Amino acid sequence: MPTKSPHTSTPAHAVRPPLPAHTLSRDNIWPALPLDDWKDTYATLHLWTQIVGKIRFAQTPWQNHSWHVTLYVSTCGLTTGPIPFGDRTLAIEFDFLEHVLWLRASTGHFRQVMLMPQTTARFYAELMERLSELGFAVSIDERPNEIPDGIKFSEDKIHAAYDARAATKLFRILTQANRLFTTFRSGFLGKASPVHFFWGSFDLAVTRFSGRTAPRHPGGVPALPDAVACEAYSHEECSAGFWPGSGPVTEPAFYSYAYPAPEGFAAAKVKPDAAYWSKELGEFILPYDAVRKADDPDAMLLDFLQSTYDAAADLGKWDRKTLECAIGRPGVVRKI
């Protein structure tokens, strides 16, 4: 029988001494995470999050712009949220503090997969075995998305790195990005995405929409069906996010782009001075280290999000008066 989680006692590993109100230093809240220091772990985690994300994809009805496949920042890492399996649900969560992948069912049963150095093939096999033990049957496409020449998960014995300290640092950064993206999102009345993590491109993102349709996307994203890309970019948008870096950007960074990019967008003056336009990516880039080292990281990142959106909305002639509102405040009802 599957192990049933206790309801009347606290697991031993969860017992902690009382903590002061704030226990993290500035360097822990905004930790350094140079790409070269954890690139192997990054590559492995990219694949592991894809495996988990594809389980959600296989079970969840399609939502606009692939919003049904994403992961979400939790209090310890990244979670799928509830995944429907008939009359039951399952949540899968990467715990980057205890370094465990949790599988929790709505029946109260659970399983674990330890996050540690191991091949992607082994991680995949153990995860599928734990799902079977819980009585969840699921089949996924084993080919990675948005990774050129990806190896099937069950055959990948190359990607096997897991640096626990780097995983925790990534979680700390995602926590701050999620908090500030959520604040920024509150200043928009129009259609806007949740703040969510796309495992295909391994980035945390939030998107605002003008309300108008966009020209058909040309597709051509590696290992991604053109139909998915076309549906994702079906409407005009301005999207911002964080990712650890790749390709021409060899450092963790925040980004912002518009689709379609209005004329003059690349030459727009945005804040802060550390931000720049990447011709290769077609988007504005703000190095994470500039935010981390700033006197006021919150203000710097919010300036970047707002100024790049301003450029997209003004140059794209969005109906800003109808779409926008003041930034939300906790416990204060928005004035009409």
Protein backbone atom coordinates (compact mmCIF):
# COMPACT_ATOMS: atom_id res chain seq x y z
CA MET A 1 0.00 0.00 0.00
CA PRO A 2 1.25 3.54 -0.65
CA THR A 3 2.64 5.36 2.33
CA LYS A 4 0.10 7.71 3.86
CA SER A 5 1.32 11.06 5.15
CA PRO A 6 0.78 11.69 8.87
CA HIS A 7 -1.97 14.12 9.79
CA THR A 8 -1.54 14.20 13.57
CA SER A 9 2.22 14.56 13.92
CA THR A 10 5.00 16.61 12.40
CA PRO A 11 7.64 14.79 10.31
CA ALA A 12 11.00 14.74 12.09
CA HIS A 13 12.74 16.58 9.28
CA ALA A 14 10.24 19.44 9.58
CA VAL A 15 11.03 20.20 13.25
CA ARG A 16 12.93 23.48 13.44
CA PRO A 17 13.88 25.79 16.32
CA PRO A 18 12.08 29.14 16.42
CA LEU A 19 13.47 31.59 13.88
CA PRO A 20 13.86 35.35 14.17
CA ALA A 21 11.68 37.46 11.91
CA HIS A 22 14.41 37.70 9.28
CA THR A 23 17.32 35.31 9.02
CA LEU A 24 18.75 35.88 5.54
CA SER A 25 21.55 38.29 4.77
CA ARG A 26 21.50 40.55 1.71
CA ASP A 27 23.89 38.15 -0.06
CA ASN A 28 21.50 35.28 0.63
CA ILE A 29 18.44 37.20 -0.52
CA TRP A 30 20.18 38.26 -3.74
CA PRO A 31 22.93 35.61 -4.06
CA ALA A 32 25.65 35.55 -6.68
CA LEU A 33 25.11 32.79 -9.25
CA PRO A 34 27.66 33.05 -12.09
CA LEU A 35 26.64 30.82 -14.96
CA ASP A 36 30.03 29.11 -15.18
CA ASP A 37 29.80 28.02 -11.53
CA TRP A 38 26.75 25.82 -12.07
CA LYS A 39 26.24 25.36 -15.81
CA ASP A 40 26.22 21.55 -15.52
CA THR A 41 23.60 21.62 -12.77
CA TYR A 42 21.62 24.17 -14.78
CA ALA A 43 21.62 21.86 -17.81
CA THR A 44 20.50 18.91 -15.68
CA LEU A 45 17.77 20.83 -13.83
CA HIS A 46 16.50 22.12 -17.16
CA LEU A 47 15.81 18.53 -18.16
CA TRP A 48 14.36 17.50 -14.80
CA THR A 49 11.91 20.40 -14.79
CA GLN A 50 10.89 19.42 -18.32
CA ILE A 51 10.07 15.89 -17.19
CA VAL A 52 7.86 17.21 -14.38
CA GLY A 53 6.34 19.89 -16.60
CA LYS A 54 5.47 17.34 -19.26
CA ILE A 55 3.53 15.34 -16.69
CA ARG A 56 1.37 18.41 -16.04
CA PHE A 57 1.11 18.99 -19.80
CA ALA A 58 -0.11 15.43 -20.39
CA GLN A 59 -2.94 15.74 -17.86
CA THR A 60 -4.15 19.36 -18.07
CA PRO A 61 -6.61 20.85 -20.61
CA TRP A 62 -5.00 23.35 -22.97
CA GLN A 63 -5.03 26.97 -21.87
CA ASN A 64 -4.13 30.03 -23.90
CA HIS A 65 -0.41 30.62 -24.51
CA SER A 66 0.52 27.26 -22.90
CA TRP A 67 -0.27 28.60 -19.44
CA HIS A 68 -1.40 25.10 -18.43
CA VAL A 69 2.11 23.64 -18.58
CA THR A 70 4.03 26.00 -16.34
CA LEU A 71 5.52 25.64 -12.87
CA TYR A 72 5.15 28.16 -10.04
CA VAL A 73 7.49 29.49 -7.37
CA SER A 74 6.63 27.99 -3.99
CA THR A 75 7.98 28.47 -0.46
CA CYS A 76 10.78 26.00 -1.16
CA GLY A 77 11.22 25.77 -4.92
CA LEU A 78 9.01 25.10 -7.92
CA THR A 79 5.66 23.35 -8.00
CA THR A 80 3.19 22.13 -10.60
CA GLY A 81 0.21 22.97 -8.41
CA PRO A 82 -2.64 20.42 -8.52
CA ILE A 83 -2.57 18.18 -11.61
CA PRO A 84 -5.88 16.48 -12.45
CA PHE A 85 -5.98 12.67 -12.60
CA GLY A 86 -9.67 11.84 -12.86
CA ASP A 87 -11.23 12.43 -9.44
CA ARG A 88 -7.81 12.79 -7.79
CA THR A 89 -5.09 15.41 -8.04
CA LEU A 90 -1.31 15.26 -7.73
CA ALA A 91 1.19 18.03 -7.01
CA ILE A 92 4.88 17.65 -7.81
CA GLU A 93 7.27 20.06 -6.15
CA PHE A 94 10.99 20.67 -6.41
CA ASP A 95 12.16 21.41 -2.86
CA PHE A 96 15.47 23.28 -3.25
CA LEU A 97 15.90 23.66 0.51
CA GLU A 98 15.62 19.98 1.55
CA HIS A 99 16.60 18.84 -1.99
CA VAL A 100 13.70 16.49 -2.50
CA LEU A 101 11.17 16.13 -5.29
CA TRP A 102 7.81 15.70 -3.55
CA LEU A 103 4.86 13.86 -5.06
CA ARG A 104 1.75 14.57 -2.99
CA ALA A 105 -1.66 13.13 -3.86
CA SER A 106 -5.06 14.48 -2.83
CA THR A 107 -5.66 11.11 -1.10
CA GLY A 108 -2.97 12.00 1.47
CA HIS A 109 -0.39 9.61 0.04
CA PHE A 110 3.05 10.81 -1.00
CA ARG A 111 6.37 9.75 -2.44
CA GLN A 112 9.83 11.34 -2.74
CA VAL A 113 12.68 11.40 -5.23
CA MET A 114 15.93 12.70 -3.79
CA LEU A 115 17.57 15.60 -5.65
CA MET A 116 21.22 14.61 -5.89
CA PRO A 117 23.87 13.92 -8.52
CA GLN A 118 22.36 11.23 -10.75
CA THR A 119 21.77 10.71 -14.43
CA THR A 120 18.65 12.11 -16.01
CA ALA A 121 17.79 8.55 -17.07
CA ARG A 122 17.85 7.43 -13.43
CA PHE A 123 15.83 10.46 -12.27
CA TYR A 124 13.22 9.79 -14.95
CA ALA A 125 12.98 6.07 -14.13
CA GLU A 126 12.61 6.68 -10.39
CA LEU A 127 10.00 9.40 -10.87
CA MET A 128 7.92 7.16 -13.12
CA GLU A 129 8.22 4.33 -10.59
CA ARG A 130 7.03 6.57 -7.75
CA LEU A 131 4.08 7.74 -9.87
CA SER A 132 3.14 4.12 -10.50
CA GLU A 133 3.32 3.33 -6.78
CA LEU A 134 0.83 6.14 -6.14
CA GLY A 135 -1.45 4.77 -8.84
CA PHE A 136 -0.94 7.56 -11.38
CA ALA A 137 -0.48 6.29 -14.93
CA VAL A 138 0.96 8.86 -17.32
CA SER A 139 2.94 8.82 -20.54
CA ILE A 140 5.01 11.77 -21.77
CA ASP A 141 7.01 12.73 -24.83
CA GLU A 142 10.57 11.95 -23.75
CA ARG A 143 12.21 14.38 -26.14
CA PRO A 144 13.25 17.68 -24.51
CA ASN A 145 11.69 20.85 -25.90
CA GLU A 146 13.61 23.95 -27.00
CA ILE A 147 16.91 22.07 -26.71
CA PRO A 148 18.56 21.27 -30.05
CA ASP A 149 19.49 17.59 -30.48
CA GLY A 150 18.07 16.65 -27.08
CA ILE A 151 18.48 13.10 -25.78
CA LYS A 152 15.46 11.06 -24.68
CA PHE A 153 15.08 11.31 -20.92
CA SER A 154 15.23 7.54 -20.41
CA GLU A 155 18.50 7.37 -22.37
CA ASP A 156 20.28 10.45 -21.03
CA LYS A 157 23.29 9.35 -19.01
CA ILE A 158 25.21 12.57 -19.73
CA HIS A 159 23.36 15.17 -17.67
CA ALA A 160 23.90 14.09 -14.08
CA ALA A 161 25.04 17.14 -12.06
CA TYR A 162 23.26 18.51 -9.00
CA ASP A 163 24.92 21.23 -6.90
CA ALA A 164 22.58 21.69 -3.93
CA ARG A 165 23.98 25.11 -3.04
CA ALA A 166 23.42 26.39 -6.57
CA ALA A 167 19.86 25.05 -6.58
CA THR A 168 19.14 26.91 -3.34
CA LYS A 169 20.61 30.10 -4.78
CA LEU A 170 18.42 29.77 -7.85
CA PHE A 171 15.40 29.41 -5.57
CA ARG A 172 16.37 32.57 -3.66
CA ILE A 173 16.60 34.54 -6.90
CA LEU A 174 13.29 33.18 -8.19
CA THR A 175 11.66 34.14 -4.89
CA GLN A 176 12.69 37.79 -5.28
CA ALA A 177 11.83 37.88 -8.99
CA ASN A 178 8.42 36.33 -8.29
CA ARG A 179 7.72 38.91 -5.58
CA LEU A 180 8.59 41.89 -7.77
CA PHE A 181 6.95 40.52 -10.92
CA THR A 182 3.78 40.05 -8.86
CA THR A 183 3.97 43.67 -7.70
CA PHE A 184 4.46 44.87 -11.29
CA ARG A 185 1.58 42.69 -12.54
CA SER A 186 -0.81 44.36 -10.09
CA GLY A 187 -0.65 47.64 -12.04
CA PHE A 188 -2.46 46.25 -15.08
CA LEU A 189 -6.21 45.81 -15.66
CA GLY A 190 -5.98 44.15 -19.06
CA LYS A 191 -5.21 40.54 -19.83
CA ALA A 192 -2.04 39.50 -18.01
CA SER A 193 -0.42 36.15 -17.34
CA PRO A 194 0.30 34.67 -13.95
CA VAL A 195 3.92 34.88 -12.83
CA HIS A 196 5.04 31.44 -13.90
CA PHE A 197 8.06 29.33 -14.83
CA PHE A 198 8.40 28.00 -18.37
CA TRP A 199 10.43 24.79 -18.28
CA GLY A 200 11.01 24.81 -22.04
CA SER A 201 13.17 27.92 -21.86
CA PHE A 202 13.87 27.69 -18.08
CA ASP A 203 12.70 31.19 -17.23
CA LEU A 204 10.29 32.91 -14.88
CA ALA A 205 8.02 35.28 -16.80
CA VAL A 206 5.08 37.66 -16.61
CA THR A 207 3.26 39.01 -19.67
CA ARG A 208 0.90 41.91 -20.43
CA PHE A 209 -1.33 42.00 -23.51
CA SER A 210 -2.67 44.95 -25.51
CA GLY A 211 -5.92 43.13 -26.35
CA ARG A 212 -5.20 43.06 -30.09
CA THR A 213 -4.21 40.09 -32.20
CA ALA A 214 -0.64 39.82 -33.49
CA PRO A 215 0.85 38.83 -36.84
CA ARG A 216 1.35 35.09 -37.14
CA HIS A 217 4.58 34.01 -35.46
CA PRO A 218 7.11 32.54 -37.91
CA GLY A 219 7.90 29.55 -35.68
CA GLY A 220 11.31 27.97 -35.97
CA VAL A 221 11.96 27.54 -32.24
CA PRO A 222 14.25 24.51 -31.79
CA ALA A 223 12.41 21.35 -30.76
CA LEU A 224 9.08 23.14 -30.43
CA PRO A 225 6.14 22.62 -32.82
CA ASP A 226 5.40 25.76 -34.84
CA ALA A 227 1.74 25.45 -33.86
CA VAL A 228 2.70 25.94 -30.19
CA ALA A 229 4.79 29.03 -30.94
CA CYS A 230 2.05 30.51 -33.14
CA GLU A 231 -0.57 29.99 -30.44
CA ALA A 232 1.72 31.40 -27.75
CA TYR A 233 2.23 34.64 -29.71
CA SER A 234 -1.30 34.98 -31.07
CA HIS A 235 -1.82 38.40 -29.41
CA GLU A 236 0.28 41.54 -28.96
CA GLU A 237 2.29 41.36 -25.78
CA CYS A 238 5.06 42.78 -23.65
CA SER A 239 6.81 40.08 -21.66
CA ALA A 240 9.47 40.28 -18.96
CA GLY A 241 11.30 37.63 -17.04
CA PHE A 242 14.42 36.17 -15.47
CA TRP A 243 16.62 33.35 -16.67
CA PRO A 244 20.12 32.14 -15.76
CA GLY A 245 21.57 33.06 -19.15
CA SER A 246 22.32 31.23 -22.38
CA GLY A 247 23.60 31.87 -25.90
CA PRO A 248 24.86 35.44 -26.30
CA VAL A 249 24.03 36.34 -22.67
CA THR A 250 26.55 34.47 -20.55
CA GLU A 251 25.26 35.64 -17.17
CA PRO A 252 21.96 35.55 -15.27
CA ALA A 253 19.72 38.38 -16.42
CA PHE A 254 16.31 39.95 -16.49
CA TYR A 255 14.80 40.53 -19.93
CA SER A 256 11.93 42.38 -21.56
CA TYR A 257 10.60 42.18 -25.12
CA ALA A 258 7.55 43.05 -27.17
CA TYR A 259 5.84 40.96 -29.81
CA PRO A 260 5.55 42.29 -32.38
CA ALA A 261 8.24 44.82 -31.54
CA PRO A 262 6.92 48.25 -32.54
CA GLU A 263 9.06 50.50 -34.71
CA GLY A 264 11.72 52.24 -32.65
CA PHE A 265 11.51 49.81 -29.72
CA ALA A 266 15.15 48.76 -29.91
CA ALA A 267 16.29 52.38 -29.70
CA ALA A 268 14.02 53.30 -26.78
CA LYS A 269 15.58 54.83 -23.70
CA VAL A 270 14.93 52.53 -20.75
CA LYS A 271 16.01 52.37 -17.12
CA PRO A 272 18.41 51.73 -15.47
CA ASP A 273 21.64 52.66 -17.22
CA ALA A 274 22.86 49.06 -16.84
CA ALA A 275 20.11 47.83 -19.19
CA TYR A 276 20.92 47.34 -22.86
CA TRP A 277 19.37 46.08 -26.09
CA SER A 278 20.51 42.64 -27.29
CA LYS A 279 20.36 42.57 -31.07
CA GLU A 280 20.90 38.79 -31.05
CA LEU A 281 17.92 38.13 -28.79
CA GLY A 282 15.76 41.07 -29.86
CA GLU A 283 15.07 42.16 -26.29
CA PHE A 284 16.26 44.40 -23.50
CA ILE A 285 18.63 42.85 -20.98
CA LEU A 286 19.36 43.88 -17.39
CA PRO A 287 22.22 41.86 -15.87
CA TYR A 288 21.20 40.21 -12.62
CA ASP A 289 24.45 41.31 -10.97
CA ALA A 290 23.53 44.96 -11.56
CA VAL A 291 20.32 44.40 -9.59
CA ARG A 292 22.01 42.30 -6.92
CA LYS A 293 24.64 44.97 -6.23
CA ALA A 294 22.29 47.98 -6.42
CA ASP A 295 21.57 50.10 -3.35
CA ASP A 296 17.87 49.39 -3.93
CA PRO A 297 17.44 46.19 -5.98
CA ASP A 298 13.65 46.40 -5.84
CA ALA A 299 13.53 49.89 -7.29
CA MET A 300 16.03 49.06 -10.03
CA LEU A 301 14.14 45.99 -11.23
CA LEU A 302 10.76 47.72 -11.09
CA ASP A 303 12.20 50.64 -13.09
CA PHE A 304 13.37 48.18 -15.73
CA LEU A 305 9.99 46.45 -15.92
CA GLN A 306 8.05 49.70 -16.10
CA SER A 307 10.30 51.57 -18.53
CA THR A 308 10.49 48.70 -21.03
CA TYR A 309 6.72 48.28 -20.84
CA ASP A 310 6.27 52.05 -21.30
CA ALA A 311 8.33 51.88 -24.48
CA ALA A 312 6.36 48.92 -25.85
CA ALA A 313 2.96 50.40 -24.96
CA ASP A 314 3.67 53.94 -26.18
CA LEU A 315 5.35 52.93 -29.43
CA GLY A 316 2.74 50.23 -30.01
CA LYS A 317 -0.11 52.66 -29.31
CA TRP A 318 -1.73 50.54 -26.60
CA ASP A 319 -4.88 51.91 -24.96
CA ARG A 320 -3.01 52.62 -21.74
CA LYS A 321 -5.78 54.59 -20.05
CA THR A 322 -8.07 51.57 -20.22
CA LEU A 323 -5.45 48.91 -19.52
CA GLU A 324 -3.55 50.31 -16.53
CA CYS A 325 -4.10 51.12 -12.87
CA ALA A 326 -2.00 52.00 -9.84
CA ILE A 327 0.25 49.32 -8.34
CA GLY A 328 -1.75 47.25 -5.88
CA ARG A 329 -1.35 47.65 -2.13
CA PRO A 330 -1.93 44.85 0.40
CA GLY A 331 -5.36 45.11 1.99
CA VAL A 332 -6.38 48.23 0.04
CA VAL A 333 -9.28 47.95 -2.41
CA ARG A 334 -8.53 49.47 -5.82
CA LYS A 335 -10.41 52.71 -6.33
CA ILE A 336 -12.87 52.81 -9.23
